[in-house]
Amino acid sequence: MFIPHSVQPVITGIACFINVAVTLYLWAGGTPIAFSVESLRFLIVVGVATATVNLFTLLAYASGLRVTSSFVIGGTSTLLVLLVGFLFLKEPFTWAKLLAIGLIVGGTFLLRGAE
């Protein structure tokens, strides 16, 4: 499955819009959403890291890396982020997060098989 490079900003923009919409929906429903200086710092670090990953992925594609390998790159990088959270940042482990890991792995295998 070929995904043109020009679609990446569109996908990222839609994901940002959906995240903002869900956050505003939860806030309007009475869910407290607390922001702190530390959470803002983490948000900036995550944003820079995400932009850097996207940039290097696009540069790898331009260098001749097969586009279909992006499913493996995307799935393993997300899985790596979850594992770093569990092992180094002492994030609480929940069954929902285990389900998320399973869905990531399953989706990666499904997309790999569709090529």
N, C-alpha and C. Protein backbone atom coordinates (compact mmCIF):
# COMPACT_ATOMS: atom_id res chain seq x y z
N MET A 1 0.85 -1.17 0.00
CA MET A 1 0.00 0.00 0.00
C MET A 1 0.89 1.23 0.00
N PHE A 2 0.72 2.09 -0.96
CA PHE A 2 1.55 3.28 -1.09
C PHE A 2 0.82 4.48 -0.51
N ILE A 3 1.48 5.19 0.40
CA ILE A 3 0.92 6.41 0.97
C ILE A 3 1.82 7.56 0.54
N PRO A 4 1.32 8.49 -0.27
CA PRO A 4 2.17 9.60 -0.71
C PRO A 4 2.66 10.44 0.47
N HIS A 5 3.86 10.99 0.33
CA HIS A 5 4.44 11.79 1.41
C HIS A 5 3.61 13.03 1.71
N SER A 6 2.90 13.53 0.72
CA SER A 6 2.12 14.75 0.94
C SER A 6 0.90 14.50 1.81
N VAL A 7 0.54 13.24 2.05
CA VAL A 7 -0.61 12.90 2.88
C VAL A 7 -0.26 12.95 4.36
N GLN A 8 1.02 12.80 4.70
CA GLN A 8 1.44 12.76 6.11
C GLN A 8 0.97 13.99 6.90
N PRO A 9 1.14 15.23 6.41
CA PRO A 9 0.65 16.38 7.18
C PRO A 9 -0.88 16.36 7.35
N VAL A 10 -1.58 15.84 6.38
CA VAL A 10 -3.04 15.76 6.48
C VAL A 10 -3.43 14.78 7.59
N ILE A 11 -2.78 13.62 7.62
CA ILE A 11 -3.07 12.63 8.66
C ILE A 11 -2.75 13.20 10.04
N THR A 12 -1.60 13.86 10.15
CA THR A 12 -1.20 14.45 11.43
C THR A 12 -2.18 15.55 11.86
N GLY A 13 -2.61 16.37 10.92
CA GLY A 13 -3.58 17.43 11.23
C GLY A 13 -4.92 16.87 11.68
N ILE A 14 -5.39 15.81 11.03
CA ILE A 14 -6.66 15.19 11.44
C ILE A 14 -6.53 14.59 12.83
N ALA A 15 -5.40 13.93 13.10
CA ALA A 15 -5.18 13.36 14.44
C ALA A 15 -5.17 14.46 15.50
N CYS A 16 -4.53 15.58 15.21
CA CYS A 16 -4.50 16.70 16.15
C CYS A 16 -5.91 17.23 16.40
N PHE A 17 -6.68 17.41 15.33
CA PHE A 17 -8.05 17.91 15.46
C PHE A 17 -8.90 16.97 16.31
N ILE A 18 -8.78 15.66 16.09
CA ILE A 18 -9.57 14.69 16.86
C ILE A 18 -9.16 14.73 18.32
N ASN A 19 -7.86 14.83 18.61
CA ASN A 19 -7.40 14.90 20.00
C ASN A 19 -7.92 16.14 20.70
N VAL A 20 -7.87 17.28 20.02
CA VAL A 20 -8.38 18.52 20.61
C VAL A 20 -9.89 18.42 20.84
N ALA A 21 -10.61 17.85 19.88
CA ALA A 21 -12.07 17.71 20.01
C ALA A 21 -12.43 16.80 21.19
N VAL A 22 -11.72 15.69 21.35
CA VAL A 22 -12.00 14.78 22.47
C VAL A 22 -11.68 15.46 23.79
N THR A 23 -10.56 16.19 23.85
CA THR A 23 -10.20 16.89 25.08
C THR A 23 -11.25 17.93 25.45
N LEU A 24 -11.71 18.71 24.48
CA LEU A 24 -12.74 19.72 24.75
C LEU A 24 -14.06 19.07 25.15
N TYR A 25 -14.39 17.95 24.53
CA TYR A 25 -15.61 17.22 24.89
C TYR A 25 -15.55 16.74 26.34
N LEU A 26 -14.42 16.17 26.72
CA LEU A 26 -14.28 15.71 28.11
C LEU A 26 -14.32 16.87 29.08
N TRP A 27 -13.66 17.98 28.72
CA TRP A 27 -13.66 19.16 29.59
C TRP A 27 -15.06 19.73 29.73
N ALA A 28 -15.81 19.79 28.62
CA ALA A 28 -17.19 20.30 28.67
C ALA A 28 -18.09 19.39 29.49
N GLY A 29 -17.76 18.10 29.53
CA GLY A 29 -18.55 17.15 30.31
C GLY A 29 -18.22 17.14 31.78
N GLY A 30 -17.28 17.97 32.20
CA GLY A 30 -16.98 18.08 33.63
C GLY A 30 -15.72 17.36 34.06
N THR A 31 -15.03 16.70 33.14
CA THR A 31 -13.78 16.03 33.50
C THR A 31 -12.71 17.09 33.72
N PRO A 32 -12.09 17.09 34.90
CA PRO A 32 -11.06 18.12 35.14
C PRO A 32 -9.82 17.84 34.30
N ILE A 33 -9.33 18.87 33.65
CA ILE A 33 -8.12 18.77 32.84
C ILE A 33 -7.13 19.77 33.41
N ALA A 34 -6.10 19.23 34.05
CA ALA A 34 -5.13 20.08 34.72
C ALA A 34 -3.89 20.24 33.87
N PHE A 35 -3.42 21.44 33.74
CA PHE A 35 -2.18 21.73 33.03
C PHE A 35 -1.19 22.30 34.04
N SER A 36 0.04 21.89 33.90
CA SER A 36 1.10 22.42 34.74
C SER A 36 2.29 22.76 33.85
N VAL A 37 3.27 23.41 34.43
CA VAL A 37 4.48 23.73 33.68
C VAL A 37 5.18 22.44 33.25
N GLU A 38 5.20 21.45 34.14
CA GLU A 38 5.84 20.17 33.81
C GLU A 38 5.12 19.46 32.66
N SER A 39 3.77 19.47 32.69
CA SER A 39 3.05 18.81 31.60
C SER A 39 3.25 19.56 30.28
N LEU A 40 3.38 20.88 30.34
CA LEU A 40 3.66 21.65 29.13
C LEU A 40 5.04 21.32 28.57
N ARG A 41 6.03 21.15 29.47
CA ARG A 41 7.37 20.75 29.02
C ARG A 41 7.33 19.39 28.33
N PHE A 42 6.62 18.43 28.95
CA PHE A 42 6.50 17.11 28.34
C PHE A 42 5.80 17.18 26.99
N LEU A 43 4.79 18.02 26.90
CA LEU A 43 4.06 18.18 25.64
C LEU A 43 4.99 18.72 24.54
N ILE A 44 5.83 19.67 24.88
CA ILE A 44 6.78 20.23 23.91
C ILE A 44 7.80 19.16 23.49
N VAL A 45 8.33 18.41 24.46
CA VAL A 45 9.30 17.36 24.14
C VAL A 45 8.67 16.31 23.23
N VAL A 46 7.45 15.90 23.54
CA VAL A 46 6.77 14.90 22.72
C VAL A 46 6.50 15.44 21.32
N GLY A 47 6.11 16.69 21.21
CA GLY A 47 5.87 17.29 19.90
C GLY A 47 7.13 17.35 19.06
N VAL A 48 8.24 17.75 19.67
CA VAL A 48 9.51 17.80 18.94
C VAL A 48 9.96 16.39 18.54
N ALA A 49 9.80 15.43 19.45
CA ALA A 49 10.19 14.05 19.13
C ALA A 49 9.34 13.49 17.99
N THR A 50 8.05 13.77 18.01
CA THR A 50 7.17 13.28 16.95
C THR A 50 7.53 13.91 15.61
N ALA A 51 7.75 15.20 15.61
CA ALA A 51 8.13 15.88 14.36
C ALA A 51 9.46 15.34 13.84
N THR A 52 10.40 15.07 14.73
CA THR A 52 11.69 14.53 14.33
C THR A 52 11.55 13.14 13.73
N VAL A 53 10.73 12.29 14.37
CA VAL A 53 10.50 10.95 13.83
C VAL A 53 9.88 11.04 12.44
N ASN A 54 8.90 11.90 12.27
CA ASN A 54 8.28 12.05 10.95
C ASN A 54 9.29 12.56 9.92
N LEU A 55 10.12 13.51 10.30
CA LEU A 55 11.12 14.04 9.38
C LEU A 55 12.09 12.95 8.96
N PHE A 56 12.63 12.21 9.92
CA PHE A 56 13.59 11.16 9.58
C PHE A 56 12.95 10.02 8.80
N THR A 57 11.68 9.74 9.08
CA THR A 57 10.98 8.71 8.31
C THR A 57 10.84 9.15 6.85
N LEU A 58 10.46 10.40 6.63
CA LEU A 58 10.34 10.90 5.26
C LEU A 58 11.70 10.94 4.56
N LEU A 59 12.76 11.28 5.30
CA LEU A 59 14.10 11.26 4.72
C LEU A 59 14.52 9.83 4.36
N ALA A 60 14.14 8.87 5.19
CA ALA A 60 14.45 7.47 4.90
C ALA A 60 13.72 7.02 3.64
N TYR A 61 12.46 7.44 3.49
CA TYR A 61 11.71 7.11 2.27
C TYR A 61 12.39 7.71 1.05
N ALA A 62 12.83 8.95 1.18
CA ALA A 62 13.49 9.63 0.06
C ALA A 62 14.81 8.95 -0.30
N SER A 63 15.41 8.28 0.67
CA SER A 63 16.67 7.58 0.41
C SER A 63 16.46 6.19 -0.17
N GLY A 64 15.20 5.78 -0.34
CA GLY A 64 14.94 4.50 -0.99
C GLY A 64 14.35 3.42 -0.10
N LEU A 65 14.07 3.72 1.16
CA LEU A 65 13.44 2.73 2.03
C LEU A 65 12.05 2.42 1.51
N ARG A 66 11.69 1.16 1.49
CA ARG A 66 10.36 0.78 1.00
C ARG A 66 9.28 1.38 1.89
N VAL A 67 8.25 1.93 1.27
CA VAL A 67 7.19 2.64 2.00
C VAL A 67 6.43 1.70 2.91
N THR A 68 6.24 0.46 2.50
CA THR A 68 5.44 -0.47 3.31
C THR A 68 6.10 -0.81 4.63
N SER A 69 7.39 -0.57 4.76
CA SER A 69 8.05 -0.84 6.03
C SER A 69 7.63 0.16 7.10
N SER A 70 6.91 1.21 6.72
CA SER A 70 6.51 2.21 7.70
C SER A 70 5.55 1.63 8.74
N PHE A 71 4.79 0.60 8.37
CA PHE A 71 3.90 -0.02 9.34
C PHE A 71 4.69 -0.64 10.49
N VAL A 72 5.77 -1.29 10.15
CA VAL A 72 6.61 -1.89 11.18
C VAL A 72 7.28 -0.81 12.01
N ILE A 73 7.78 0.24 11.35
CA ILE A 73 8.42 1.35 12.07
C ILE A 73 7.42 2.01 13.01
N GLY A 74 6.23 2.29 12.52
CA GLY A 74 5.22 2.95 13.34
C GLY A 74 4.78 2.10 14.52
N GLY A 75 4.54 0.82 14.27
CA GLY A 75 4.09 -0.07 15.34
C GLY A 75 5.15 -0.28 16.40
N THR A 76 6.37 -0.51 15.97
CA THR A 76 7.42 -0.76 16.96
C THR A 76 7.80 0.50 17.72
N SER A 77 7.73 1.66 17.08
CA SER A 77 8.06 2.89 17.81
C SER A 77 7.00 3.18 18.87
N THR A 78 5.73 2.92 18.55
CA THR A 78 4.67 3.12 19.54
C THR A 78 4.82 2.13 20.68
N LEU A 79 5.13 0.90 20.36
CA LEU A 79 5.34 -0.11 21.38
C LEU A 79 6.54 0.26 22.27
N LEU A 80 7.58 0.78 21.66
CA LEU A 80 8.76 1.20 22.41
C LEU A 80 8.43 2.34 23.38
N VAL A 81 7.60 3.27 22.95
CA VAL A 81 7.19 4.38 23.82
C VAL A 81 6.45 3.84 25.04
N LEU A 82 5.54 2.88 24.82
CA LEU A 82 4.80 2.30 25.95
C LEU A 82 5.75 1.57 26.91
N LEU A 83 6.69 0.82 26.36
CA LEU A 83 7.62 0.08 27.22
C LEU A 83 8.52 1.02 28.02
N VAL A 84 8.98 2.10 27.41
CA VAL A 84 9.79 3.09 28.14
C VAL A 84 8.96 3.69 29.27
N GLY A 85 7.70 3.97 29.01
CA GLY A 85 6.82 4.49 30.05
C GLY A 85 6.69 3.54 31.23
N PHE A 86 6.54 2.25 30.93
CA PHE A 86 6.39 1.25 31.99
C PHE A 86 7.69 1.04 32.76
N LEU A 87 8.80 0.89 32.03
CA LEU A 87 10.05 0.49 32.66
C LEU A 87 10.81 1.64 33.31
N PHE A 88 10.86 2.79 32.65
CA PHE A 88 11.70 3.88 33.14
C PHE A 88 10.93 5.00 33.83
N LEU A 89 9.73 5.29 33.35
CA LEU A 89 8.95 6.38 33.93
C LEU A 89 7.95 5.92 34.97
N LYS A 90 7.92 4.61 35.20
CA LYS A 90 7.06 3.99 36.24
C LYS A 90 5.58 4.31 36.03
N GLU A 91 5.16 4.29 34.75
CA GLU A 91 3.74 4.46 34.43
C GLU A 91 2.98 3.27 34.99
N PRO A 92 1.77 3.48 35.49
CA PRO A 92 1.01 2.33 35.98
C PRO A 92 0.60 1.43 34.82
N PHE A 93 0.72 0.13 35.02
CA PHE A 93 0.35 -0.84 34.01
C PHE A 93 -1.12 -1.20 34.20
N THR A 94 -1.91 -1.07 33.15
CA THR A 94 -3.34 -1.41 33.22
C THR A 94 -3.67 -2.38 32.10
N TRP A 95 -4.81 -3.03 32.23
CA TRP A 95 -5.26 -3.96 31.20
C TRP A 95 -5.59 -3.21 29.91
N ALA A 96 -6.03 -1.98 30.01
CA ALA A 96 -6.30 -1.18 28.81
C ALA A 96 -5.01 -0.94 28.02
N LYS A 97 -3.91 -0.70 28.74
CA LYS A 97 -2.63 -0.50 28.05
C LYS A 97 -2.13 -1.81 27.42
N LEU A 98 -2.36 -2.93 28.10
CA LEU A 98 -2.01 -4.22 27.51
C LEU A 98 -2.84 -4.47 26.25
N LEU A 99 -4.11 -4.12 26.30
CA LEU A 99 -4.97 -4.23 25.12
C LEU A 99 -4.44 -3.33 24.00
N ALA A 100 -4.01 -2.12 24.35
CA ALA A 100 -3.46 -1.20 23.35
C ALA A 100 -2.23 -1.80 22.68
N ILE A 101 -1.35 -2.40 23.47
CA ILE A 101 -0.16 -3.05 22.90
C ILE A 101 -0.57 -4.17 21.96
N GLY A 102 -1.54 -4.97 22.37
CA GLY A 102 -2.02 -6.06 21.51
C GLY A 102 -2.62 -5.54 20.21
N LEU A 103 -3.38 -4.45 20.28
CA LEU A 103 -3.96 -3.87 19.08
C LEU A 103 -2.89 -3.30 18.15
N ILE A 104 -1.86 -2.70 18.72
CA ILE A 104 -0.76 -2.18 17.91
C ILE A 104 -0.07 -3.32 17.18
N VAL A 105 0.27 -4.36 17.90
CA VAL A 105 0.95 -5.51 17.29
C VAL A 105 0.05 -6.16 16.24
N GLY A 106 -1.23 -6.36 16.58
CA GLY A 106 -2.17 -6.96 15.62
C GLY A 106 -2.35 -6.11 14.38
N GLY A 107 -2.49 -4.80 14.56
CA GLY A 107 -2.65 -3.91 13.42
C GLY A 107 -1.42 -3.90 12.53
N THR A 108 -0.24 -3.96 13.15
CA THR A 108 0.99 -3.99 12.37
C THR A 108 1.05 -5.25 11.51
N PHE A 109 0.68 -6.40 12.09
CA PHE A 109 0.68 -7.64 11.32
C PHE A 109 -0.38 -7.61 10.22
N LEU A 110 -1.55 -7.04 10.50
CA LEU A 110 -2.59 -6.96 9.47
C LEU A 110 -2.15 -6.07 8.30
N LEU A 111 -1.56 -4.92 8.63
CA LEU A 111 -1.12 -4.02 7.57
C LEU A 111 0.07 -4.60 6.79
N ARG A 112 0.94 -5.33 7.47
CA ARG A 112 2.07 -5.96 6.78
C ARG A 112 1.56 -7.01 5.79
N GLY A 113 0.50 -7.72 6.19
CA GLY A 113 -0.05 -8.76 5.32
C GLY A 113 -0.81 -8.19 4.14
N ALA A 114 -1.23 -6.93 4.20
CA ALA A 114 -2.03 -6.32 3.15
C ALA A 114 -1.18 -5.77 2.00
N GLU A 115 0.14 -5.80 2.15
CA GLU A 115 0.98 -5.19 1.11
C GLU A 115 1.09 -6.03 -0.10
